[in-house]
Amino acid sequence: MFYISLVIGFGCGIIGALMAFVITRNEYQKHQFDERQLLKVSLQAAVTTFAIFLGSAIVLGYLLIRFVQR
């Protein structure tokens, strides 16, 4: 059960990170940022989103195993 939540979290994390990168890059381009700063901010948003999705899946998987699967 834990491995399933890990795979789901990793998959959703990748998709979420890609979407966060695209959305952040598109929005910050409107504000005339230079390319280097634009890439840095977009990558920070992508990494943060991936960490949140993966962390949430791990915590939820642990809680499901701990309290539901009895």
PDB file of N, CA and C in Angstrom:
ATOM      1  N   MET A   1       0.814  -1.188   0.000  1.00  0.00           N
ATOM      2  CA  MET A   1       0.000   0.000   0.000  1.00  0.00           C
ATOM      3  C   MET A   1       0.864   1.262   0.000  1.00  0.00           C
ATOM      4  N   PHE A   2       1.937   1.254   0.785  1.00  0.00           N
ATOM      5  CA  PHE A   2       2.809   2.420   0.861  1.00  0.00           C
ATOM      6  C   PHE A   2       3.490   2.683  -0.480  1.00  0.00           C
ATOM      7  N   TYR A   3       3.897   1.633  -1.173  1.00  0.00           N
ATOM      8  CA  TYR A   3       4.567   1.810  -2.465  1.00  0.00           C
ATOM      9  C   TYR A   3       3.615   2.384  -3.509  1.00  0.00           C
ATOM     10  N   ILE A   4       2.349   2.020  -3.413  1.00  0.00           N
ATOM     11  CA  ILE A   4       1.359   2.574  -4.343  1.00  0.00           C
ATOM     12  C   ILE A   4       1.219   4.072  -4.119  1.00  0.00           C
ATOM     13  N   SER A   5       1.139   4.496  -2.871  1.00  0.00           N
ATOM     14  CA  SER A   5       1.021   5.932  -2.602  1.00  0.00           C
ATOM     15  C   SER A   5       2.290   6.673  -3.004  1.00  0.00           C
ATOM     16  N   LEU A   6       3.433   6.024  -2.891  1.00  0.00           N
ATOM     17  CA  LEU A   6       4.691   6.631  -3.314  1.00  0.00           C
ATOM     18  C   LEU A   6       4.722   6.822  -4.830  1.00  0.00           C
ATOM     19  N   VAL A   7       4.287   5.826  -5.571  1.00  0.00           N
ATOM     20  CA  VAL A   7       4.244   5.926  -7.034  1.00  0.00           C
ATOM     21  C   VAL A   7       3.231   6.980  -7.472  1.00  0.00           C
ATOM     22  N   ILE A   8       2.069   6.998  -6.831  1.00  0.00           N
ATOM     23  CA  ILE A   8       1.058   7.998  -7.168  1.00  0.00           C
ATOM     24  C   ILE A   8       1.575   9.398  -6.844  1.00  0.00           C
ATOM     25  N   GLY A   9       2.215   9.567  -5.699  1.00  0.00           N
ATOM     26  CA  GLY A   9       2.771  10.863  -5.320  1.00  0.00           C
ATOM     27  C   GLY A   9       3.861  11.316  -6.267  1.00  0.00           C
ATOM     28  N   PHE A  10       4.705  10.384  -6.692  1.00  0.00           N
ATOM     29  CA  PHE A  10       5.775  10.729  -7.627  1.00  0.00           C
ATOM     30  C   PHE A  10       5.188  11.132  -8.979  1.00  0.00           C
ATOM     31  N   GLY A  11       4.217  10.367  -9.456  1.00  0.00           N
ATOM     32  CA  GLY A  11       3.594  10.682 -10.744  1.00  0.00           C
ATOM     33  C   GLY A  11       2.852  12.005 -10.722  1.00  0.00           C
ATOM     34  N   CYS A  12       2.046  12.205  -9.699  1.00  0.00           N
ATOM     35  CA  CYS A  12       1.317  13.475  -9.578  1.00  0.00           C
ATOM     36  C   CYS A  12       2.269  14.632  -9.307  1.00  0.00           C
ATOM     37  N   GLY A  13       3.346  14.361  -8.591  1.00  0.00           N
ATOM     38  CA  GLY A  13       4.345  15.397  -8.327  1.00  0.00           C
ATOM     39  C   GLY A  13       5.024  15.875  -9.605  1.00  0.00           C
ATOM     40  N   ILE A  14       5.343  14.943 -10.489  1.00  0.00           N
ATOM     41  CA  ILE A  14       5.955  15.310 -11.771  1.00  0.00           C
ATOM     42  C   ILE A  14       4.993  16.147 -12.602  1.00  0.00           C
ATOM     43  N   ILE A  15       3.750  15.714 -12.684  1.00  0.00           N
ATOM     44  CA  ILE A  15       2.752  16.462 -13.463  1.00  0.00           C
ATOM     45  C   ILE A  15       2.522  17.840 -12.845  1.00  0.00           C
ATOM     46  N   GLY A  16       2.390  17.890 -11.528  1.00  0.00           N
ATOM     47  CA  GLY A  16       2.194  19.169 -10.849  1.00  0.00           C
ATOM     48  C   GLY A  16       3.380  20.100 -11.008  1.00  0.00           C
ATOM     49  N   ALA A  17       4.589  19.542 -10.942  1.00  0.00           N
ATOM     50  CA  ALA A  17       5.790  20.356 -11.102  1.00  0.00           C
ATOM     51  C   ALA A  17       5.880  20.931 -12.515  1.00  0.00           C
ATOM     52  N   LEU A  18       5.562  20.130 -13.507  1.00  0.00           N
ATOM     53  CA  LEU A  18       5.580  20.633 -14.883  1.00  0.00           C
ATOM     54  C   LEU A  18       4.557  21.743 -15.084  1.00  0.00           C
ATOM     55  N   MET A  19       3.372  21.539 -14.530  1.00  0.00           N
ATOM     56  CA  MET A  19       2.330  22.563 -14.659  1.00  0.00           C
ATOM     57  C   MET A  19       2.714  23.837 -13.909  1.00  0.00           C
ATOM     58  N   ALA A  20       3.288  23.706 -12.723  1.00  0.00           N
ATOM     59  CA  ALA A  20       3.716  24.878 -11.961  1.00  0.00           C
ATOM     60  C   ALA A  20       4.808  25.631 -12.703  1.00  0.00           C
ATOM     61  N   PHE A  21       5.729  24.896 -13.326  1.00  0.00           N
ATOM     62  CA  PHE A  21       6.792  25.529 -14.103  1.00  0.00           C
ATOM     63  C   PHE A  21       6.216  26.331 -15.263  1.00  0.00           C
ATOM     64  N   VAL A  22       5.307  25.721 -16.002  1.00  0.00           N
ATOM     65  CA  VAL A  22       4.720  26.383 -17.175  1.00  0.00           C
ATOM     66  C   VAL A  22       3.899  27.610 -16.758  1.00  0.00           C
ATOM     67  N   ILE A  23       3.080  27.454 -15.734  1.00  0.00           N
ATOM     68  CA  ILE A  23       2.234  28.565 -15.293  1.00  0.00           C
ATOM     69  C   ILE A  23       3.076  29.713 -14.747  1.00  0.00           C
ATOM     70  N   THR A  24       4.060  29.400 -13.907  1.00  0.00           N
ATOM     71  CA  THR A  24       4.908  30.447 -13.336  1.00  0.00           C
ATOM     72  C   THR A  24       5.708  31.158 -14.414  1.00  0.00           C
ATOM     73  N   ARG A  25       6.248  30.393 -15.341  1.00  0.00           N
ATOM     74  CA  ARG A  25       7.031  30.993 -16.431  1.00  0.00           C
ATOM     75  C   ARG A  25       6.152  31.910 -17.273  1.00  0.00           C
ATOM     76  N   ASN A  26       4.953  31.465 -17.590  1.00  0.00           N
ATOM     77  CA  ASN A  26       4.048  32.264 -18.406  1.00  0.00           C
ATOM     78  C   ASN A  26       3.658  33.558 -17.695  1.00  0.00           C
ATOM     79  N   GLU A  27       3.359  33.469 -16.404  1.00  0.00           N
ATOM     80  CA  GLU A  27       2.945  34.667 -15.658  1.00  0.00           C
ATOM     81  C   GLU A  27       4.095  35.651 -15.473  1.00  0.00           C
ATOM     82  N   TYR A  28       5.282  35.168 -15.158  1.00  0.00           N
ATOM     83  CA  TYR A  28       6.405  36.060 -14.922  1.00  0.00           C
ATOM     84  C   TYR A  28       6.959  36.660 -16.219  1.00  0.00           C
ATOM     85  N   GLN A  29       6.699  36.046 -17.349  1.00  0.00           N
ATOM     86  CA  GLN A  29       7.104  36.632 -18.627  1.00  0.00           C
ATOM     87  C   GLN A  29       6.358  37.931 -18.883  1.00  0.00           C
ATOM     88  N   LYS A  30       5.162  38.030 -18.382  1.00  0.00           N
ATOM     89  CA  LYS A  30       4.359  39.244 -18.566  1.00  0.00           C
ATOM     90  C   LYS A  30       4.948  40.438 -17.811  1.00  0.00           C
ATOM     91  N   HIS A  31       5.801  40.162 -16.809  1.00  0.00           N
ATOM     92  CA  HIS A  31       6.361  41.226 -15.976  1.00  0.00           C
ATOM     93  C   HIS A  31       7.794  41.583 -16.364  1.00  0.00           C
ATOM     94  N   GLN A  32       8.221  41.184 -17.539  1.00  0.00           N
ATOM     95  CA  GLN A  32       9.509  41.571 -18.126  1.00  0.00           C
ATOM     96  C   GLN A  32      10.719  41.170 -17.267  1.00  0.00           C
ATOM     97  N   PHE A  33      10.701  39.959 -16.720  1.00  0.00           N
ATOM     98  CA  PHE A  33      11.863  39.432 -16.020  1.00  0.00           C
ATOM     99  C   PHE A  33      12.905  38.999 -17.043  1.00  0.00           C
ATOM    100  N   ASP A  34      14.186  39.042 -16.672  1.00  0.00           N
ATOM    101  CA  ASP A  34      15.198  38.512 -17.578  1.00  0.00           C
ATOM    102  C   ASP A  34      15.148  36.980 -17.546  1.00  0.00           C
ATOM    103  N   GLU A  35      15.735  36.354 -18.546  1.00  0.00           N
ATOM    104  CA  GLU A  35      15.591  34.909 -18.751  1.00  0.00           C
ATOM    105  C   GLU A  35      16.161  34.090 -17.595  1.00  0.00           C
ATOM    106  N   ARG A  36      17.276  34.519 -17.044  1.00  0.00           N
ATOM    107  CA  ARG A  36      17.911  33.776 -15.953  1.00  0.00           C
ATOM    108  C   ARG A  36      17.044  33.793 -14.689  1.00  0.00           C
ATOM    109  N   GLN A  37      16.518  34.963 -14.349  1.00  0.00           N
ATOM    110  CA  GLN A  37      15.668  35.076 -13.170  1.00  0.00           C
ATOM    111  C   GLN A  37      14.338  34.355 -13.395  1.00  0.00           C
ATOM    112  N   LEU A  38      13.832  34.402 -14.606  1.00  0.00           N
ATOM    113  CA  LEU A  38      12.598  33.721 -14.957  1.00  0.00           C
ATOM    114  C   LEU A  38      12.735  32.210 -14.775  1.00  0.00           C
ATOM    115  N   LEU A  39      13.840  31.662 -15.230  1.00  0.00           N
ATOM    116  CA  LEU A  39      14.101  30.232 -15.087  1.00  0.00           C
ATOM    117  C   LEU A  39      14.263  29.841 -13.619  1.00  0.00           C
ATOM    118  N   LYS A  40      14.960  30.678 -12.850  1.00  0.00           N
ATOM    119  CA  LYS A  40      15.185  30.390 -11.436  1.00  0.00           C
ATOM    120  C   LYS A  40      13.871  30.348 -10.659  1.00  0.00           C
ATOM    121  N   VAL A  41      13.017  31.330 -10.857  1.00  0.00           N
ATOM    122  CA  VAL A  41      11.742  31.387 -10.144  1.00  0.00           C
ATOM    123  C   VAL A  41      10.839  30.225 -10.558  1.00  0.00           C
ATOM    124  N   SER A  42      10.824  29.902 -11.836  1.00  0.00           N
ATOM    125  CA  SER A  42       9.989  28.804 -12.330  1.00  0.00           C
ATOM    126  C   SER A  42      10.454  27.460 -11.781  1.00  0.00           C
ATOM    127  N   LEU A  43      11.751  27.244 -11.720  1.00  0.00           N
ATOM    128  CA  LEU A  43      12.275  25.999 -11.160  1.00  0.00           C
ATOM    129  C   LEU A  43      12.002  25.894  -9.662  1.00  0.00           C
ATOM    130  N   GLN A  44      12.071  27.008  -8.947  1.00  0.00           N
ATOM    131  CA  GLN A  44      11.746  26.992  -7.524  1.00  0.00           C
ATOM    132  C   GLN A  44      10.293  26.592  -7.306  1.00  0.00           C
ATOM    133  N   ALA A  45       9.401  27.125  -8.120  1.00  0.00           N
ATOM    134  CA  ALA A  45       7.984  26.767  -8.010  1.00  0.00           C
ATOM    135  C   ALA A  45       7.772  25.291  -8.328  1.00  0.00           C
ATOM    136  N   ALA A  46       8.476  24.788  -9.336  1.00  0.00           N
ATOM    137  CA  ALA A  46       8.331  23.384  -9.723  1.00  0.00           C
ATOM    138  C   ALA A  46       8.841  22.443  -8.630  1.00  0.00           C
ATOM    139  N   VAL A  47       9.992  22.749  -8.067  1.00  0.00           N
ATOM    140  CA  VAL A  47      10.562  21.894  -7.020  1.00  0.00           C
ATOM    141  C   VAL A  47       9.682  21.915  -5.768  1.00  0.00           C
ATOM    142  N   THR A  48       9.189  23.085  -5.405  1.00  0.00           N
ATOM    143  CA  THR A  48       8.305  23.194  -4.248  1.00  0.00           C
ATOM    144  C   THR A  48       7.023  22.395  -4.451  1.00  0.00           C
ATOM    145  N   THR A  49       6.440  22.504  -5.620  1.00  0.00           N
ATOM    146  CA  THR A  49       5.220  21.764  -5.926  1.00  0.00           C
ATOM    147  C   THR A  49       5.463  20.261  -5.874  1.00  0.00           C
ATOM    148  N   PHE A  50       6.572  19.812  -6.447  1.00  0.00           N
ATOM    149  CA  PHE A  50       6.898  18.382  -6.418  1.00  0.00           C
ATOM    150  C   PHE A  50       7.055  17.888  -4.983  1.00  0.00           C
ATOM    151  N   ALA A  51       7.752  18.666  -4.156  1.00  0.00           N
ATOM    152  CA  ALA A  51       7.972  18.258  -2.768  1.00  0.00           C
ATOM    153  C   ALA A  51       6.659  18.183  -2.002  1.00  0.00           C
ATOM    154  N   ILE A  52       5.766  19.122  -2.238  1.00  0.00           N
ATOM    155  CA  ILE A  52       4.483  19.115  -1.544  1.00  0.00           C
ATOM    156  C   ILE A  52       3.642  17.916  -1.966  1.00  0.00           C
ATOM    157  N   PHE A  53       3.584  17.634  -3.258  1.00  0.00           N
ATOM    158  CA  PHE A  53       2.803  16.491  -3.735  1.00  0.00           C
ATOM    159  C   PHE A  53       3.380  15.181  -3.209  1.00  0.00           C
ATOM    160  N   LEU A  54       4.684  15.014  -3.302  1.00  0.00           N
ATOM    161  CA  LEU A  54       5.305  13.772  -2.850  1.00  0.00           C
ATOM    162  C   LEU A  54       5.168  13.619  -1.333  1.00  0.00           C
ATOM    163  N   GLY A  55       5.406  14.686  -0.601  1.00  0.00           N
ATOM    164  CA  GLY A  55       5.268  14.634   0.854  1.00  0.00           C
ATOM    165  C   GLY A  55       3.852  14.323   1.290  1.00  0.00           C
ATOM    166  N   SER A  56       2.886  14.923   0.623  1.00  0.00           N
ATOM    167  CA  SER A  56       1.482  14.659   0.947  1.00  0.00           C
ATOM    168  C   SER A  56       1.118  13.205   0.689  1.00  0.00           C
ATOM    169  N   ALA A  57       1.604  12.655  -0.406  1.00  0.00           N
ATOM    170  CA  ALA A  57       1.306  11.257  -0.722  1.00  0.00           C
ATOM    171  C   ALA A  57       1.948  10.314   0.289  1.00  0.00           C
ATOM    172  N   ILE A  58       3.152  10.632   0.720  1.00  0.00           N
ATOM    173  CA  ILE A  58       3.820   9.785   1.711  1.00  0.00           C
ATOM    174  C   ILE A  58       3.070   9.821   3.038  1.00  0.00           C
ATOM    175  N   VAL A  59       2.695  11.012   3.479  1.00  0.00           N
ATOM    176  CA  VAL A  59       1.959  11.145   4.745  1.00  0.00           C
ATOM    177  C   VAL A  59       0.604  10.460   4.643  1.00  0.00           C
ATOM    178  N   LEU A  60      -0.109  10.666   3.552  1.00  0.00           N
ATOM    179  CA  LEU A  60      -1.414  10.036   3.384  1.00  0.00           C
ATOM    180  C   LEU A  60      -1.295   8.511   3.310  1.00  0.00           C
ATOM    181  N   GLY A  61      -0.283   8.019   2.609  1.00  0.00           N
ATOM    182  CA  GLY A  61      -0.059   6.575   2.545  1.00  0.00           C
ATOM    183  C   GLY A  61       0.238   5.990   3.907  1.00  0.00           C
ATOM    184  N   TYR A  62       1.045   6.683   4.690  1.00  0.00           N
ATOM    185  CA  TYR A  62       1.353   6.219   6.044  1.00  0.00           C
ATOM    186  C   TYR A  62       0.102   6.197   6.906  1.00  0.00           C
ATOM    187  N   LEU A  63      -0.696   7.270   6.824  1.00  0.00           N
ATOM    188  CA  LEU A  63      -1.905   7.334   7.636  1.00  0.00           C
ATOM    189  C   LEU A  63      -2.917   6.263   7.238  1.00  0.00           C
ATOM    190  N   LEU A  64      -3.028   6.000   5.949  1.00  0.00           N
ATOM    191  CA  LEU A  64      -3.929   4.956   5.498  1.00  0.00           C
ATOM    192  C   LEU A  64      -3.495   3.587   5.990  1.00  0.00           C
ATOM    193  N   ILE A  65      -2.213   3.313   5.938  1.00  0.00           N
ATOM    194  CA  ILE A  65      -1.702   2.029   6.424  1.00  0.00           C
ATOM    195  C   ILE A  65      -1.896   1.937   7.931  1.00  0.00           C
ATOM    196  N   ARG A  66      -1.621   3.003   8.629  1.00  0.00           N
ATOM    197  CA  ARG A  66      -1.650   3.003  10.098  1.00  0.00           C
ATOM    198  C   ARG A  66      -3.064   2.893  10.663  1.00  0.00           C
ATOM    199  N   PHE A  67      -4.025   3.602  10.072  1.00  0.00           N
ATOM    200  CA  PHE A  67      -5.348   3.682  10.704  1.00  0.00           C
ATOM    201  C   PHE A  67      -6.473   2.984   9.960  1.00  0.00           C
ATOM    202  N   VAL A  68      -6.322   2.758   8.671  1.00  0.00           N
ATOM    203  CA  VAL A  68      -7.420   2.162   7.894  1.00  0.00           C
ATOM    204  C   VAL A  68      -7.220   0.675   7.701  1.00  0.00           C
ATOM    205  N   GLN A  69      -6.019   0.238   7.471  1.00  0.00           N
ATOM    206  CA  GLN A  69      -5.743  -1.148   7.120  1.00  0.00           C
ATOM    207  C   GLN A  69      -5.571  -2.003   8.382  1.00  0.00           C
ATOM    208  N   ARG A  70      -6.589  -2.099   9.170  1.00  0.00           N
ATOM    209  CA  ARG A  70      -6.525  -2.930  10.389  1.00  0.00           C
ATOM    210  C   ARG A  70      -7.590  -3.959  10.397  1.00  0.00           C
TER     211      ARG A  70
END
